[in-house]
Amino acid sequence: MAKSKKTVTGRVLHDPVKDKLRPIFPLDLSKCRTIDALVRAMGDTAFTGRQVGDAADILEAMARDKDCFVVLTLSGALTVGKMGLIFCDLIESGVVNAIVSTGALMAHGLVEATGHSHFRYSKNMDDKALFHAGYNRVYDSLEPEVNLDHVEEVMDRILDQWDADEVVASHKLHRKIGEFLVKHSKGRGILKSAYQHNVPVFVPAFTDSELGIDFALHKFARQKQQRPLLRFDPFEDFEKFADTMLATKRMGIFTIGGGVPRNWSQQFGVYAELLARRGYRKMPLKRYNYGLRICPEPDFWGGLSGSTYTEAVSWGKFVPPEEGGRFAEVFDDATVALPLVVGAVLERIGYFKKKKR
């Protein structure tokens, strides 16, 4: 650092320009005509605004790195929260190459993709009355029970044609649902886009979902019809994901929230290290080179959703920053930060112009 003379109090006052510090600037909305312009300007401010700007830079780096395989992990009620089309854009733009999600997110997304709606909740509504009327509350929104009955009908149509000799896994089932949507649905949807762009969708905690319940109920229908029962094997998902990631040159992870999808995806680094350490394969460490997380949970609660990427470095899940690892974390509600970050990056790579053409 460039020093000046020592003052009478002992302080040596530096020149920030000579020290090459990066300045920050007031946010001038009159100069922001696009999402990207706004996010770039936010990156030159402070607090969460700067986090949003830095996050867009990391996602852009992942998107432009042709050797980087990007995993999107999703938790929370983001399709009920109407973020579903953003995930479609991430798939269709080629930014995202695989998805790991909660089951609820896929179920509610299937509701959207088949043309059904969610509705606003009002504080003057009574939850007991909502139950009797068949309205399931998700925070400030409502999922009509008739929507989930329709999802079960879709699942039954797919499972009814499933060969009992073929083991079921979540990535196989979601691909079948995507194929069904291409044939029978006019609207956009995550699983439809994933099928069209060959993006696998994994749900590690499959039984904790509407689709998992539908799979369980289908067992009784098969028993009643005296047909062979279907078998579900979560390790087929695990092995498919591991084989996919082992074949990559570089890896990036884009996490919304946390929970099981985040941990299951990050555990790949541990699995790969153990494959080598136990002598099953001769291979270098396989760790995520990029990481971007949008989640309001702090680390001091002790949950994985709030744990930092630097903590994950100690587990062998991420390349350390000093070895080239690049990370960004945004402590904000995904319904606020996600559209800004993704919108800016999709503008930068020219996705919306291509879509218009």
Protein backbone atom coordinates (compact mmCIF):
# COMPACT_ATOMS: atom_id res chain seq x y z
CA MET A 1 0.00 0.00 0.00
CA ALA A 2 1.10 3.53 -0.79
CA LYS A 3 1.86 5.28 2.50
CA SER A 4 1.92 8.96 3.46
CA LYS A 5 3.62 10.64 6.41
CA LYS A 6 2.91 9.47 9.95
CA THR A 7 0.52 11.79 11.80
CA VAL A 8 0.96 13.04 15.37
CA THR A 9 -1.46 10.34 16.54
CA GLY A 10 0.62 7.61 14.93
CA ARG A 11 -1.71 6.86 12.04
CA VAL A 12 -0.30 6.58 8.52
CA LEU A 13 -3.02 7.84 6.16
CA HIS A 14 -3.04 6.11 2.79
CA ASP A 15 -4.18 7.34 -0.60
CA PRO A 16 -6.99 4.94 -1.69
CA VAL A 17 -6.29 5.65 -5.38
CA LYS A 18 -2.63 4.77 -5.04
CA ASP A 19 -3.64 1.71 -2.98
CA LYS A 20 -5.84 0.71 -5.95
CA LEU A 21 -8.96 0.30 -3.85
CA ARG A 22 -12.18 -0.16 -5.78
CA PRO A 23 -14.56 2.79 -5.31
CA ILE A 24 -18.31 2.47 -4.79
CA PHE A 25 -20.89 4.81 -6.30
CA PRO A 26 -24.40 6.13 -5.64
CA LEU A 27 -27.11 4.17 -7.43
CA ASP A 28 -28.40 6.41 -10.22
CA LEU A 29 -31.71 4.93 -11.36
CA SER A 30 -31.94 7.43 -14.23
CA LYS A 31 -29.09 5.51 -15.91
CA CYS A 32 -30.57 2.03 -15.40
CA ARG A 33 -32.64 1.01 -18.41
CA THR A 34 -32.22 -2.77 -18.18
CA ILE A 35 -32.04 -5.42 -15.47
CA ASP A 36 -28.36 -5.84 -16.21
CA ALA A 37 -27.67 -2.12 -15.88
CA LEU A 38 -29.45 -2.06 -12.52
CA VAL A 39 -27.59 -5.11 -11.21
CA ARG A 40 -24.21 -3.77 -12.36
CA ALA A 41 -24.97 -0.50 -10.58
CA MET A 42 -26.02 -2.41 -7.46
CA GLY A 43 -22.67 -4.21 -7.57
CA ASP A 44 -20.99 -0.83 -7.08
CA THR A 45 -22.99 -0.06 -3.92
CA ALA A 46 -22.93 -1.88 -0.57
CA PHE A 47 -24.69 -4.45 1.63
CA THR A 48 -27.10 -6.85 -0.10
CA GLY A 49 -27.10 -4.77 -3.27
CA ARG A 50 -23.39 -5.46 -3.72
CA GLN A 51 -24.00 -9.17 -3.04
CA VAL A 52 -26.53 -9.23 -5.89
CA GLY A 53 -24.02 -7.61 -8.25
CA ASP A 54 -21.24 -10.01 -7.26
CA ALA A 55 -23.61 -12.98 -7.63
CA ALA A 56 -24.41 -12.02 -11.22
CA ASP A 57 -20.70 -11.92 -12.02
CA ILE A 58 -20.20 -15.45 -10.67
CA LEU A 59 -23.24 -16.84 -12.51
CA GLU A 60 -22.03 -15.17 -15.71
CA ALA A 61 -18.61 -16.78 -15.25
CA MET A 62 -20.28 -20.20 -14.90
CA ALA A 63 -22.47 -19.56 -17.94
CA ARG A 64 -19.52 -18.53 -20.13
CA ASP A 65 -17.22 -21.35 -18.99
CA LYS A 66 -17.89 -23.95 -21.71
CA ASP A 67 -16.19 -26.66 -19.64
CA CYS A 68 -18.33 -25.99 -16.56
CA PHE A 69 -21.27 -28.28 -15.76
CA VAL A 70 -23.76 -26.29 -13.67
CA VAL A 71 -26.05 -27.90 -11.09
CA LEU A 72 -29.09 -25.92 -9.91
CA THR A 73 -30.34 -26.91 -6.44
CA LEU A 74 -33.79 -25.78 -5.39
CA SER A 75 -35.66 -25.76 -2.10
CA GLY A 76 -38.57 -23.79 -0.72
CA ALA A 77 -41.95 -23.13 -2.33
CA LEU A 78 -40.47 -21.41 -5.36
CA THR A 79 -42.94 -22.64 -7.97
CA VAL A 80 -45.88 -21.62 -5.78
CA GLY A 81 -43.90 -18.38 -5.44
CA LYS A 82 -44.06 -18.07 -9.27
CA MET A 83 -40.33 -18.43 -9.98
CA GLY A 84 -40.88 -21.43 -12.29
CA LEU A 85 -40.37 -19.67 -15.60
CA ILE A 86 -36.99 -18.36 -14.43
CA PHE A 87 -35.88 -21.96 -14.01
CA CYS A 88 -37.21 -22.73 -17.50
CA ASP A 89 -35.08 -19.86 -18.84
CA LEU A 90 -32.00 -21.18 -17.05
CA ILE A 91 -32.55 -24.57 -18.68
CA GLU A 92 -33.44 -23.28 -22.13
CA SER A 93 -30.49 -20.86 -22.19
CA GLY A 94 -28.09 -23.71 -21.48
CA VAL A 95 -26.85 -22.12 -18.25
CA VAL A 96 -28.08 -25.05 -16.12
CA ASN A 97 -27.19 -28.67 -16.94
CA ALA A 98 -28.80 -30.60 -14.06
CA ILE A 99 -31.34 -29.90 -11.30
CA VAL A 100 -31.56 -31.23 -7.75
CA SER A 101 -34.77 -30.22 -6.02
CA THR A 102 -37.32 -30.82 -3.33
CA GLY A 103 -40.28 -32.87 -4.51
CA ALA A 104 -42.80 -30.20 -3.61
CA LEU A 105 -41.20 -27.77 -6.03
CA MET A 106 -41.61 -30.21 -8.90
CA ALA A 107 -45.19 -31.06 -7.92
CA HIS A 108 -46.27 -27.42 -7.77
CA GLY A 109 -44.41 -26.80 -11.01
CA LEU A 110 -46.38 -29.63 -12.60
CA VAL A 111 -49.55 -27.88 -11.50
CA GLU A 112 -48.43 -24.77 -13.40
CA ALA A 113 -47.30 -26.69 -16.47
CA THR A 114 -50.70 -28.37 -16.86
CA GLY A 115 -52.50 -25.03 -16.89
CA HIS A 116 -53.69 -24.83 -13.29
CA SER A 117 -53.24 -21.85 -10.97
CA HIS A 118 -52.28 -20.87 -7.45
CA PHE A 119 -54.08 -18.08 -5.61
CA ARG A 120 -53.45 -15.28 -3.12
CA TYR A 121 -53.97 -15.88 0.59
CA SER A 122 -55.46 -13.11 2.69
CA LYS A 123 -54.88 -12.71 6.43
CA ASN A 124 -58.61 -12.66 7.09
CA MET A 125 -58.85 -16.28 5.92
CA ASP A 126 -59.06 -19.00 8.58
CA ASP A 127 -56.77 -22.03 8.18
CA LYS A 128 -59.37 -24.44 9.56
CA ALA A 129 -61.93 -23.14 7.08
CA LEU A 130 -59.33 -23.38 4.30
CA PHE A 131 -58.82 -27.08 5.09
CA HIS A 132 -62.53 -27.84 4.85
CA ALA A 133 -62.76 -25.88 1.60
CA GLY A 134 -59.83 -27.78 0.09
CA TYR A 135 -57.33 -24.94 0.01
CA ASN A 136 -53.80 -25.75 1.14
CA ARG A 137 -51.89 -22.68 2.35
CA VAL A 138 -48.25 -22.15 1.37
CA TYR A 139 -47.21 -18.99 3.28
CA ASP A 140 -49.15 -16.25 1.45
CA SER A 141 -50.51 -18.42 -1.38
CA LEU A 142 -53.08 -21.17 -1.82
CA GLU A 143 -52.78 -24.54 -3.58
CA PRO A 144 -56.28 -25.93 -4.26
CA GLU A 145 -56.54 -29.63 -3.44
CA VAL A 146 -58.16 -30.19 -6.84
CA ASN A 147 -54.81 -29.19 -8.39
CA LEU A 148 -53.06 -32.00 -6.54
CA ASP A 149 -55.80 -34.43 -7.56
CA HIS A 150 -54.97 -33.52 -11.15
CA VAL A 151 -51.26 -34.14 -10.48
CA GLU A 152 -52.18 -37.60 -9.17
CA GLU A 153 -54.09 -38.31 -12.38
CA VAL A 154 -51.00 -37.42 -14.42
CA MET A 155 -48.82 -39.61 -12.21
CA ASP A 156 -51.25 -42.53 -12.49
CA ARG A 157 -51.23 -42.29 -16.28
CA ILE A 158 -47.44 -42.44 -16.32
CA LEU A 159 -47.03 -45.13 -13.63
CA ASP A 160 -49.80 -47.25 -15.13
CA GLN A 161 -47.64 -47.70 -18.25
CA TRP A 162 -44.41 -48.31 -16.30
CA ASP A 163 -42.77 -51.68 -16.90
CA ALA A 164 -42.58 -53.43 -13.52
CA ASP A 165 -39.17 -54.86 -14.49
CA GLU A 166 -37.70 -51.34 -14.67
CA VAL A 167 -36.72 -49.85 -11.32
CA VAL A 168 -38.11 -46.35 -10.71
CA ALA A 169 -35.81 -43.46 -9.79
CA SER A 170 -36.68 -39.78 -9.55
CA HIS A 171 -34.66 -38.71 -12.61
CA LYS A 172 -36.38 -41.38 -14.74
CA LEU A 173 -39.83 -40.43 -13.49
CA HIS A 174 -39.31 -36.72 -14.02
CA ARG A 175 -38.14 -37.37 -17.56
CA LYS A 176 -41.35 -39.33 -18.22
CA ILE A 177 -43.40 -36.47 -16.81
CA GLY A 178 -41.54 -34.03 -19.06
CA GLU A 179 -42.27 -36.23 -22.07
CA PHE A 180 -45.96 -36.31 -21.07
CA LEU A 181 -46.03 -32.51 -20.84
CA VAL A 182 -44.49 -32.13 -24.31
CA LYS A 183 -47.31 -34.27 -25.72
CA HIS A 184 -50.23 -32.97 -23.67
CA SER A 185 -49.45 -29.46 -22.38
CA LYS A 186 -49.19 -26.15 -24.23
CA GLY A 187 -47.67 -24.18 -21.37
CA ARG A 188 -44.08 -23.98 -20.17
CA GLY A 189 -42.82 -25.90 -17.18
CA ILE A 190 -39.57 -26.98 -15.51
CA LEU A 191 -39.95 -30.68 -16.30
CA LYS A 192 -41.07 -29.95 -19.86
CA SER A 193 -38.03 -27.74 -20.50
CA ALA A 194 -35.76 -30.27 -18.78
CA TYR A 195 -36.99 -33.05 -21.06
CA GLN A 196 -36.59 -30.94 -24.18
CA HIS A 197 -33.01 -29.97 -23.26
CA ASN A 198 -31.93 -33.30 -21.76
CA VAL A 199 -31.42 -31.87 -18.27
CA PRO A 200 -31.81 -34.54 -15.55
CA VAL A 201 -33.94 -33.64 -12.53
CA PHE A 202 -33.20 -35.38 -9.22
CA VAL A 203 -35.30 -35.34 -6.05
CA PRO A 204 -33.27 -37.04 -3.28
CA ALA A 205 -36.08 -36.89 -0.67
CA PHE A 206 -38.68 -38.18 -3.12
CA THR A 207 -41.04 -39.64 -0.50
CA ASP A 208 -41.33 -36.16 1.06
CA SER A 209 -43.49 -34.83 -1.76
CA GLU A 210 -46.86 -34.97 -3.46
CA LEU A 211 -45.36 -37.11 -6.23
CA GLY A 212 -43.97 -39.46 -3.59
CA ILE A 213 -47.42 -39.80 -2.03
CA ASP A 214 -48.89 -40.46 -5.48
CA PHE A 215 -46.30 -43.20 -6.04
CA ALA A 216 -47.23 -44.77 -2.69
CA LEU A 217 -50.95 -44.64 -3.53
CA HIS A 218 -50.33 -46.21 -6.92
CA LYS A 219 -49.09 -49.30 -5.10
CA PHE A 220 -52.62 -49.92 -3.78
CA ALA A 221 -54.09 -49.57 -7.27
CA ARG A 222 -51.67 -52.21 -8.56
CA GLN A 223 -52.42 -54.50 -5.64
CA LYS A 224 -56.14 -54.18 -6.35
CA GLN A 225 -55.51 -55.01 -10.02
CA GLN A 226 -53.18 -57.86 -9.00
CA ARG A 227 -50.34 -56.35 -11.02
CA PRO A 228 -46.63 -56.46 -10.12
CA LEU A 229 -45.57 -53.64 -7.81
CA LEU A 230 -43.08 -50.98 -8.87
CA ARG A 231 -39.78 -50.63 -7.04
CA PHE A 232 -38.16 -47.29 -6.27
CA ASP A 233 -34.39 -47.16 -5.74
CA PRO A 234 -32.89 -43.80 -4.63
CA PHE A 235 -29.37 -45.10 -5.25
CA GLU A 236 -30.07 -45.14 -8.99
CA ASP A 237 -30.38 -41.36 -8.66
CA PHE A 238 -27.19 -41.17 -6.62
CA GLU A 239 -25.20 -43.24 -9.10
CA LYS A 240 -26.59 -41.39 -12.12
CA PHE A 241 -25.67 -38.05 -10.59
CA ALA A 242 -22.21 -39.26 -9.55
CA ASP A 243 -21.42 -40.72 -12.97
CA THR A 244 -22.58 -37.48 -14.62
CA MET A 245 -20.41 -35.32 -12.39
CA LEU A 246 -17.36 -37.59 -12.67
CA ALA A 247 -17.43 -37.03 -16.43
CA THR A 248 -17.18 -33.23 -16.11
CA LYS A 249 -14.10 -31.02 -16.49
CA ARG A 250 -15.27 -28.30 -14.12
CA MET A 251 -18.33 -27.99 -11.91
CA GLY A 252 -20.50 -25.15 -10.68
CA ILE A 253 -23.41 -25.14 -8.25
CA PHE A 254 -26.21 -22.55 -8.11
CA THR A 255 -28.14 -23.03 -4.87
CA ILE A 256 -31.47 -21.47 -3.97
CA GLY A 257 -32.16 -22.07 -0.29
CA GLY A 258 -30.41 -25.13 1.06
CA GLY A 259 -31.63 -28.31 2.71
CA VAL A 260 -31.37 -31.79 1.21
CA PRO A 261 -30.90 -30.67 -2.45
CA ARG A 262 -27.85 -28.59 -1.53
CA ASN A 263 -26.27 -31.21 0.71
CA TRP A 264 -26.97 -34.13 -1.64
CA SER A 265 -25.34 -32.26 -4.53
CA GLN A 266 -22.33 -31.15 -2.50
CA GLN A 267 -21.78 -34.63 -1.06
CA PHE A 268 -20.50 -35.66 -4.48
CA GLY A 269 -17.13 -34.14 -3.61
CA VAL A 270 -16.90 -36.32 -0.49
CA TYR A 271 -17.96 -39.41 -2.46
CA ALA A 272 -15.35 -38.76 -5.16
CA GLU A 273 -12.59 -38.26 -2.59
CA LEU A 274 -13.52 -41.52 -0.85
CA LEU A 275 -13.53 -43.40 -4.16
CA ALA A 276 -9.89 -42.43 -4.54
CA ARG A 277 -8.92 -42.80 -0.88
CA ARG A 278 -10.51 -46.24 -0.56
CA GLY A 279 -8.70 -47.37 -3.72
CA TYR A 280 -11.77 -47.93 -5.90
CA ARG A 281 -10.64 -45.44 -8.57
CA LYS A 282 -7.48 -43.61 -9.46
CA MET A 283 -8.62 -40.03 -9.87
CA PRO A 284 -7.84 -36.48 -8.75
CA LEU A 285 -10.10 -34.58 -6.36
CA LYS A 286 -13.45 -33.62 -7.89
CA ARG A 287 -14.66 -30.42 -6.30
CA TYR A 288 -16.96 -27.57 -7.32
CA ASN A 289 -15.04 -24.74 -8.98
CA TYR A 290 -17.88 -22.23 -8.70
CA GLY A 291 -20.58 -21.68 -6.11
CA LEU A 292 -23.49 -19.24 -5.94
CA ARG A 293 -26.01 -19.31 -3.11
CA ILE A 294 -29.16 -17.26 -2.54
CA CYS A 295 -30.49 -17.89 0.96
CA PRO A 296 -31.47 -15.62 3.88
CA GLU A 297 -30.36 -18.08 6.57
CA PRO A 298 -27.19 -17.12 8.50
CA ASP A 299 -24.62 -19.69 9.56
CA PHE A 300 -25.00 -19.15 13.31
CA TRP A 301 -28.28 -21.13 13.42
CA GLY A 302 -26.15 -24.22 12.76
CA GLY A 303 -28.12 -25.53 9.75
CA LEU A 304 -26.63 -26.58 6.44
CA SER A 305 -28.77 -24.05 4.57
CA GLY A 306 -26.77 -21.26 6.18
CA SER A 307 -23.32 -22.80 6.08
CA THR A 308 -20.68 -20.96 4.06
CA TYR A 309 -18.79 -22.20 1.03
CA THR A 310 -15.55 -21.79 2.95
CA GLU A 311 -16.83 -24.34 5.48
CA ALA A 312 -17.53 -26.73 2.61
CA VAL A 313 -13.91 -26.32 1.45
CA SER A 314 -12.87 -28.16 4.62
CA TRP A 315 -14.98 -31.14 3.52
CA GLY A 316 -13.37 -31.31 0.09
CA LYS A 317 -16.54 -30.17 -1.64
CA PHE A 318 -15.17 -26.94 -3.16
CA VAL A 319 -11.92 -25.70 -4.67
CA PRO A 320 -10.41 -23.16 -2.24
CA PRO A 321 -10.39 -19.52 -3.44
CA GLU A 322 -6.58 -19.45 -3.39
CA GLU A 323 -6.62 -22.36 -5.88
CA GLY A 324 -9.14 -20.68 -8.20
CA GLY A 325 -12.49 -21.36 -6.55
CA ARG A 326 -15.03 -18.57 -7.13
CA PHE A 327 -18.02 -18.08 -4.84
CA ALA A 328 -20.78 -15.60 -4.09
CA GLU A 329 -23.51 -15.64 -1.47
CA VAL A 330 -26.63 -13.45 -1.35
CA PHE A 331 -28.47 -13.25 1.97
CA ASP A 332 -31.91 -12.41 0.64
CA ASP A 333 -35.32 -13.77 -0.26
CA ALA A 334 -35.02 -15.68 -3.54
CA THR A 335 -38.16 -14.04 -4.96
CA VAL A 336 -36.25 -10.74 -4.80
CA ALA A 337 -32.65 -11.68 -5.62
CA LEU A 338 -33.23 -14.50 -8.11
CA PRO A 339 -34.99 -12.46 -10.85
CA LEU A 340 -32.33 -9.77 -10.61
CA VAL A 341 -29.32 -12.09 -10.78
CA VAL A 342 -30.68 -14.38 -13.47
CA GLY A 343 -32.26 -11.58 -15.49
CA ALA A 344 -28.95 -9.68 -15.61
CA VAL A 345 -26.95 -12.74 -16.70
CA LEU A 346 -29.46 -13.79 -19.36
CA GLU A 347 -29.23 -10.26 -20.79
CA ARG A 348 -25.43 -10.44 -20.78
CA ILE A 349 -25.32 -13.70 -22.75
CA GLY A 350 -27.96 -12.50 -25.23
CA TYR A 351 -30.61 -15.06 -24.33
CA PHE A 352 -33.63 -12.75 -24.59
CA LYS A 353 -32.57 -11.47 -28.04
CA LYS A 354 -32.22 -15.04 -29.29
CA LYS A 355 -35.60 -15.93 -27.79
CA LYS A 356 -37.30 -13.05 -29.61
CA ARG A 357 -35.83 -14.21 -32.92
